[in-house]
N, C-alpha and C. Protein backbone atom coordinates (compact mmCIF):
# COMPACT_ATOMS: atom_id res chain seq x y z
N MET A 1 111.22 121.94 92.38
CA MET A 1 110.32 121.78 91.35
C MET A 1 109.37 120.69 91.40
N ALA A 2 108.06 120.95 91.16
CA ALA A 2 106.87 119.99 91.26
C ALA A 2 106.84 118.96 90.32
N LEU A 3 106.63 117.76 90.75
CA LEU A 3 106.21 116.49 89.78
C LEU A 3 105.24 116.59 88.86
N THR A 4 104.85 116.60 87.65
CA THR A 4 103.74 116.61 87.01
C THR A 4 102.92 115.46 87.16
N ARG A 5 101.78 115.66 86.80
CA ARG A 5 100.69 114.44 87.03
C ARG A 5 101.15 113.11 86.27
N ASP A 6 101.48 113.49 85.02
CA ASP A 6 101.97 112.51 84.20
C ASP A 6 103.23 111.53 84.85
N PHE A 7 103.83 112.11 85.47
CA PHE A 7 105.31 111.46 86.03
C PHE A 7 104.83 110.87 87.31
N LYS A 8 103.89 111.31 88.07
CA LYS A 8 103.32 110.62 89.25
C LYS A 8 102.65 109.42 88.79
N ASP A 9 101.73 109.33 87.66
CA ASP A 9 100.98 108.32 87.08
C ASP A 9 101.59 107.43 86.62
N THR A 10 103.19 107.83 86.09
CA THR A 10 104.08 106.80 85.76
C THR A 10 104.78 105.99 86.52
N VAL A 11 105.17 106.90 87.35
CA VAL A 11 105.73 105.89 88.87
C VAL A 11 104.77 104.85 89.41
N GLN A 12 103.14 105.42 89.27
CA GLN A 12 102.20 104.62 89.89
C GLN A 12 102.24 103.41 89.29
N ALA A 13 102.13 103.37 88.03
CA ALA A 13 101.73 102.44 87.21
C ALA A 13 103.00 101.36 87.31
N ARG A 14 104.22 101.89 87.06
CA ARG A 14 105.47 100.95 87.08
C ARG A 14 105.55 100.27 88.42
N ALA A 15 105.08 100.88 89.73
CA ALA A 15 105.24 100.34 90.98
C ALA A 15 104.20 99.27 90.92
N ARG A 16 103.01 99.62 90.42
CA ARG A 16 101.94 98.60 90.33
C ARG A 16 102.18 96.96 89.67
N ARG A 17 102.95 97.40 88.87
CA ARG A 17 103.25 95.88 88.10
C ARG A 17 104.74 95.42 88.46
N ASP A 18 105.61 96.27 89.05
CA ASP A 18 106.90 95.87 89.09
C ASP A 18 107.52 95.76 90.59
N PRO A 19 107.26 94.59 90.98
CA PRO A 19 107.91 94.64 92.51
C PRO A 19 109.36 95.02 92.85
N ALA A 20 110.21 94.68 91.91
CA ALA A 20 111.49 95.35 92.35
C ALA A 20 111.46 96.52 92.17
N PHE A 21 110.87 97.33 91.50
CA PHE A 21 110.39 98.75 91.44
C PHE A 21 109.86 99.32 92.97
N ARG A 22 109.06 98.63 93.10
CA ARG A 22 108.22 99.20 94.43
C ARG A 22 109.50 98.83 95.67
N GLU A 23 110.01 97.80 95.67
CA GLU A 23 110.95 97.29 96.48
C GLU A 23 112.31 98.51 96.66
N GLY A 24 112.44 98.98 95.43
CA GLY A 24 113.39 100.14 95.54
C GLY A 24 112.95 101.34 95.69
N LEU A 25 111.61 101.56 95.69
CA LEU A 25 111.33 102.72 95.97
C LEU A 25 111.16 103.15 97.54
N LEU A 26 110.83 101.65 98.25
CA LEU A 26 110.79 101.52 99.48
C LEU A 26 112.33 101.92 100.12
N GLN A 27 113.09 101.12 99.70
CA GLN A 27 114.60 101.37 99.97
C GLN A 27 114.95 102.72 99.90
N ALA A 28 114.95 103.18 98.85
CA ALA A 28 115.31 104.63 98.67
C ALA A 28 114.64 105.78 99.46
N GLY A 29 113.32 105.20 99.75
CA GLY A 29 112.72 106.29 100.92
C GLY A 29 113.36 106.34 102.29
N VAL A 30 113.41 104.91 102.68
CA VAL A 30 114.24 104.87 104.12
C VAL A 30 115.45 105.27 103.98
N GLU A 31 116.16 105.02 102.82
CA GLU A 31 117.35 105.50 102.88
C GLU A 31 117.62 107.21 102.84
N CYS A 32 116.94 107.71 102.20
CA CYS A 32 116.86 109.20 102.24
C CYS A 32 116.58 109.70 103.83
N LEU A 33 115.63 109.20 104.36
CA LEU A 33 115.36 109.39 105.79
C LEU A 33 116.41 109.40 106.65
N LEU A 34 117.14 108.05 106.63
CA LEU A 34 118.30 107.71 107.29
C LEU A 34 119.50 109.00 106.99
N SER A 35 119.77 109.27 105.84
CA SER A 35 120.74 110.12 105.78
C SER A 35 120.53 111.84 105.75
N GLY A 36 119.26 111.61 106.53
CA GLY A 36 118.79 113.17 107.15
C GLY A 36 117.86 113.85 105.69
N ASP A 37 117.77 113.45 104.65
CA ASP A 37 116.93 114.25 103.95
C ASP A 37 115.62 113.78 103.98
N VAL A 38 115.10 114.48 104.89
CA VAL A 38 113.36 113.93 105.08
C VAL A 38 112.80 114.44 104.17
N GLU A 39 112.67 115.38 103.58
CA GLU A 39 111.63 115.88 102.42
C GLU A 39 111.71 114.88 101.58
N THR A 40 112.92 114.55 101.00
CA THR A 40 112.88 113.67 99.79
C THR A 40 112.11 112.22 100.23
N GLY A 41 112.74 111.92 101.66
CA GLY A 41 111.99 110.46 101.95
C GLY A 41 110.49 110.46 101.93
N LYS A 42 110.05 111.26 102.41
CA LYS A 42 108.60 111.71 102.74
C LYS A 42 107.95 111.32 101.27
N ILE A 43 108.48 112.25 100.42
CA ILE A 43 108.01 112.17 98.94
C ILE A 43 107.84 110.78 98.47
N VAL A 44 109.22 110.42 98.46
CA VAL A 44 109.18 108.80 98.22
C VAL A 44 108.08 107.95 98.68
N LEU A 45 108.05 107.80 99.75
CA LEU A 45 107.17 107.09 100.81
C LEU A 45 105.81 107.25 100.24
N ARG A 46 105.40 108.65 100.09
CA ARG A 46 104.07 108.80 99.75
C ARG A 46 104.18 108.46 98.57
N ASP A 47 104.83 108.51 97.38
CA ASP A 47 104.45 107.89 96.09
C ASP A 47 104.37 106.36 96.39
N TYR A 48 105.21 105.69 96.88
CA TYR A 48 104.88 104.22 97.40
C TYR A 48 103.30 104.06 97.94
N ILE A 49 103.14 104.53 98.94
CA ILE A 49 101.97 104.51 99.59
C ILE A 49 100.79 104.63 98.59
N ASN A 50 101.03 105.64 97.83
CA ASN A 50 99.81 106.11 96.84
C ASN A 50 99.61 104.71 95.77
N ALA A 51 100.65 104.36 95.15
CA ALA A 51 100.80 103.31 94.28
C ALA A 51 100.45 101.89 94.75
N THR A 52 100.41 101.63 96.05
CA THR A 52 100.55 100.17 96.56
C THR A 52 99.49 100.16 97.65
N ILE A 53 99.57 100.30 98.93
CA ILE A 53 99.01 100.06 100.05
C ILE A 53 97.79 101.07 100.15
N GLY A 54 97.71 102.49 99.59
CA GLY A 54 97.06 103.48 99.91
C GLY A 54 96.78 104.13 101.32
N PHE A 55 96.48 105.20 101.45
CA PHE A 55 96.32 105.69 102.55
C PHE A 55 95.09 105.07 103.55
N ASP A 56 94.15 104.66 102.91
CA ASP A 56 93.09 103.77 103.52
C ASP A 56 93.26 103.00 104.50
N GLU A 57 94.11 102.02 103.42
CA GLU A 57 94.31 100.79 104.00
C GLU A 57 95.51 100.82 105.11
N LEU A 58 96.34 101.72 104.82
CA LEU A 58 97.56 102.15 106.06
C LEU A 58 96.84 102.79 107.24
N GLY A 59 95.83 103.68 106.86
CA GLY A 59 95.32 104.15 108.13
C GLY A 59 94.45 103.12 108.96
N ALA A 60 93.75 102.08 108.19
CA ALA A 60 93.30 100.80 108.95
C ALA A 60 94.09 100.32 109.84
N ARG A 61 95.45 100.01 109.07
CA ARG A 61 96.33 99.13 109.84
C ARG A 61 96.93 99.88 110.92
N THR A 62 97.24 101.19 110.90
CA THR A 62 97.90 101.66 112.14
C THR A 62 96.88 102.44 112.84
N ASN A 63 95.65 102.39 112.77
CA ASN A 63 94.65 103.08 113.64
C ASN A 63 94.76 104.44 113.63
N ARG A 64 95.18 105.11 112.18
CA ARG A 64 95.31 106.54 111.95
C ARG A 64 94.47 106.73 111.13
N SER A 65 94.04 108.21 111.18
CA SER A 65 92.92 108.42 109.74
C SER A 65 94.02 108.79 108.94
N PRO A 66 93.35 108.21 107.51
CA PRO A 66 93.97 108.31 106.25
C PRO A 66 94.47 109.90 106.02
N LYS A 67 93.39 110.71 106.48
CA LYS A 67 93.96 112.25 106.07
C LYS A 67 95.26 112.72 107.11
N SER A 68 95.11 112.09 108.35
CA SER A 68 96.30 112.39 109.14
C SER A 68 97.61 111.96 108.91
N LEU A 69 97.53 110.74 107.85
CA LEU A 69 98.70 109.93 107.45
C LEU A 69 99.32 110.94 106.05
N MET A 70 98.54 111.31 105.35
CA MET A 70 98.65 112.13 104.35
C MET A 70 99.37 113.38 104.72
N ARG A 71 98.80 114.21 105.61
CA ARG A 71 99.43 115.41 106.10
C ARG A 71 100.88 114.93 106.49
N MET A 72 101.15 113.78 107.35
CA MET A 72 102.24 113.40 107.76
C MET A 72 103.63 113.30 106.69
N PHE A 73 102.87 112.81 105.37
CA PHE A 73 103.74 112.69 104.45
C PHE A 73 103.87 114.03 103.46
N GLY A 74 103.18 114.80 103.76
CA GLY A 74 103.03 115.91 102.88
C GLY A 74 104.16 116.85 103.03
N PRO A 75 104.20 117.99 102.33
CA PRO A 75 105.21 118.77 102.32
C PRO A 75 105.75 119.63 103.85
N ALA A 76 104.59 119.72 104.53
CA ALA A 76 104.75 120.59 105.70
C ALA A 76 104.65 119.42 107.07
N GLY A 77 104.63 118.28 106.59
CA GLY A 77 104.39 117.12 107.76
C GLY A 77 105.78 116.99 108.49
N ASN A 78 105.54 116.92 109.61
CA ASN A 78 106.78 116.64 110.55
C ASN A 78 106.25 115.40 111.35
N PRO A 79 106.56 114.15 110.96
CA PRO A 79 106.06 112.67 111.70
C PRO A 79 106.91 112.53 112.94
N GLN A 80 106.36 112.39 113.69
CA GLN A 80 107.09 111.70 115.03
C GLN A 80 107.73 110.32 114.69
N ALA A 81 109.16 110.09 115.11
CA ALA A 81 109.75 108.91 114.96
C ALA A 81 108.80 107.76 114.70
N ARG A 82 108.16 107.73 116.34
CA ARG A 82 107.31 106.48 116.55
C ARG A 82 106.41 106.37 115.29
N ASN A 83 105.77 107.38 115.03
CA ASN A 83 104.74 107.17 113.77
C ASN A 83 105.43 106.80 112.35
N LEU A 84 106.58 107.34 112.31
CA LEU A 84 107.23 107.07 110.92
C LEU A 84 107.75 105.52 110.80
N PHE A 85 108.30 105.21 111.85
CA PHE A 85 108.54 103.66 112.23
C PHE A 85 107.37 102.73 112.20
N GLU A 86 106.35 102.92 112.60
CA GLU A 86 105.31 102.12 112.47
C GLU A 86 104.74 102.03 111.21
N VAL A 87 104.67 103.11 110.46
CA VAL A 87 104.02 103.24 108.96
C VAL A 87 105.08 102.49 108.19
N ILE A 88 106.52 102.51 108.15
CA ILE A 88 107.59 101.92 107.61
C ILE A 88 107.20 100.34 108.14
N GLY A 89 107.21 99.75 109.29
CA GLY A 89 106.84 98.37 109.75
C GLY A 89 105.65 98.04 108.85
N GLN A 90 104.52 98.76 108.76
CA GLN A 90 103.61 98.33 108.16
C GLN A 90 103.56 98.08 106.61
N ILE A 91 104.42 99.16 105.89
CA ILE A 91 104.87 98.93 104.83
C ILE A 91 105.58 97.78 104.22
N GLN A 92 106.42 97.30 105.14
CA GLN A 92 107.23 96.19 104.98
C GLN A 92 106.69 94.89 105.12
N ARG A 93 105.62 94.98 105.83
CA ARG A 93 104.37 93.80 106.14
C ARG A 93 103.72 93.65 104.84
N HIS A 94 103.04 94.87 104.36
CA HIS A 94 102.46 94.68 103.37
C HIS A 94 103.04 94.51 101.95
N GLU A 95 104.52 94.88 101.69
CA GLU A 95 105.37 94.28 100.80
C GLU A 95 105.81 92.98 100.97
N GLY A 96 105.85 92.40 102.18
CA GLY A 96 106.50 90.96 102.22
C GLY A 96 108.11 90.95 102.32
N VAL A 97 108.66 92.51 102.70
CA VAL A 97 110.37 92.42 102.71
C VAL A 97 110.60 93.03 103.88
N GLN A 98 111.79 92.84 104.51
CA GLN A 98 112.40 93.36 105.71
C GLN A 98 113.76 94.28 105.43
N LEU A 99 113.64 95.25 105.71
CA LEU A 99 114.72 96.22 105.17
C LEU A 99 115.59 95.95 106.32
N GLU A 100 117.16 95.97 106.08
CA GLU A 100 118.25 95.74 106.81
C GLU A 100 119.15 96.95 106.63
N VAL A 101 119.65 97.59 107.65
CA VAL A 101 120.60 98.62 107.85
C VAL A 101 121.93 97.89 108.01
N ARG A 102 122.87 98.36 107.11
CA ARG A 102 124.23 97.81 107.28
C ARG A 102 125.31 98.97 107.10
N ALA A 103 126.43 99.28 107.91
CA ALA A 103 127.04 100.14 107.92
C ALA A 103 128.33 100.13 106.72
N VAL A 104 128.53 101.29 106.20
CA VAL A 104 129.33 101.09 104.84
C VAL A 104 130.38 102.48 105.20
N ARG A 105 131.48 102.47 104.54
CA ARG A 105 132.50 103.27 104.78
C ARG A 105 132.79 103.97 103.33
């Protein structure tokens, strides 16, 4: 099911004003990727990028074209692990957070 434009605008507006929400989006996107739900992880991270750093700035920070990054996080995108982790690293620096992984049973 495709998200409506109003929903995307609502998510972006909340992310712009609420640091905890931004961190939650980032954490949720990475958790989806780690659990194998790559499609959802890409969607959440794309929403985070659109609401915060933007693809132009992210492209400048990673030395990649913004269009290439948009494709990478698009529905047909298949990012290489190296590129994906570089983007996640840049996002963490931009947000001023460091994600940690821990094992749970």
